[in-house]
Protein backbone atom coordinates (compact mmCIF):
# COMPACT_ATOMS: atom_id res chain seq x y z
CA MET A 1 -12.14 -22.04 18.46
CA VAL A 2 -12.23 -20.92 22.08
CA GLU A 3 -9.80 -23.67 22.97
CA PHE A 4 -7.39 -22.37 20.35
CA PHE A 5 -7.34 -18.86 21.83
CA ALA A 6 -7.09 -20.29 25.35
CA ALA A 7 -4.06 -22.30 24.26
CA ILE A 8 -2.45 -19.20 22.74
CA GLY A 9 -3.16 -17.30 25.96
CA ALA A 10 -1.38 -20.01 27.92
CA LEU A 11 1.79 -19.59 25.85
CA HIS A 12 4.76 -17.58 26.94
CA GLY A 13 4.54 -13.82 26.21
CA PHE A 14 7.40 -13.86 23.71
CA ILE A 15 5.72 -16.57 21.66
CA GLN A 16 2.52 -14.49 21.64
CA PHE A 17 4.53 -11.50 20.44
CA CYS A 18 6.08 -13.58 17.64
CA LEU A 19 2.67 -14.86 16.55
CA VAL A 20 1.23 -11.33 16.44
CA MET A 21 4.22 -10.05 14.46
CA LEU A 22 3.93 -12.96 12.03
CA ALA A 23 0.23 -12.26 11.51
CA GLY A 24 1.04 -8.58 10.93
CA CYS A 25 3.68 -9.42 8.33
CA VAL A 26 1.31 -11.76 6.50
CA LEU A 27 -1.40 -9.10 6.49
CA ARG A 28 1.04 -6.48 5.22
CA VAL A 29 2.12 -8.69 2.31
CA ILE A 30 -1.50 -9.40 1.38
CA LEU A 31 -2.37 -5.69 1.42
CA LEU A 32 0.77 -4.85 -0.59
CA VAL A 33 -0.18 -7.36 -3.29
CA ILE A 34 -3.72 -5.96 -3.44
CA SER A 35 -2.51 -2.34 -3.66
CA ARG A 36 0.04 -3.12 -6.40
CA PHE A 37 -2.59 -4.99 -8.38
CA TYR A 38 -4.94 -2.02 -8.03
CA ARG A 39 -2.15 0.31 -9.23
CA VAL A 40 -1.52 -1.89 -12.28
CA VAL A 41 -5.22 -1.80 -13.15
CA MET A 42 -5.39 2.00 -12.81
CA VAL A 43 -2.25 2.63 -14.89
CA THR A 44 -3.51 0.23 -17.54
CA ALA A 45 -6.91 1.91 -17.66
CA ARG A 46 -5.77 5.55 -17.45
CA GLY A 47 -2.24 5.41 -18.83
CA TRP A 48 1.00 6.84 -17.51
CA PRO A 49 1.87 9.58 -16.84
CA PRO A 50 -1.26 11.46 -15.80
CA ASP A 51 -1.79 14.88 -17.34
CA HIS A 52 -0.44 16.76 -14.31
CA LEU A 53 2.88 14.80 -14.17
CA ASP A 54 5.88 14.57 -16.48
CA ALA A 55 7.39 11.25 -17.63
CA ASP A 56 9.31 10.50 -14.43
CA GLY A 57 6.44 11.36 -12.08
CA ASP A 58 7.37 14.93 -11.11
CA TRP A 59 4.79 17.70 -11.11
CA LYS A 60 4.72 19.61 -14.40
CA PRO A 61 5.41 23.31 -14.09
CA GLU A 62 2.45 25.47 -14.94
CA PRO A 63 2.81 27.11 -18.36
CA GLU A 64 3.82 30.74 -18.26
CA LYS A 65 0.93 33.02 -19.11
CA GLU A 66 1.61 36.04 -21.24
CA ALA A 67 0.75 39.35 -19.65
CA GLN A 68 -2.41 40.94 -21.02
CA PRO A 69 -1.92 44.60 -22.04
């Protein structure tokens, strides 16, 4: 494993940059898939929309309270 990192260190700086960016993109896709799966599970379990939102996801206005005499 040490030889692998030594070989990467011996590469040109631009190639190192490309490898880091590629690793970042792969990690981002993995995290996006996990977060979307988690969202699907939560919407399935709790339903949509939540009580505090209307059908398109906007905040519901608070109901007007009648003035107490």
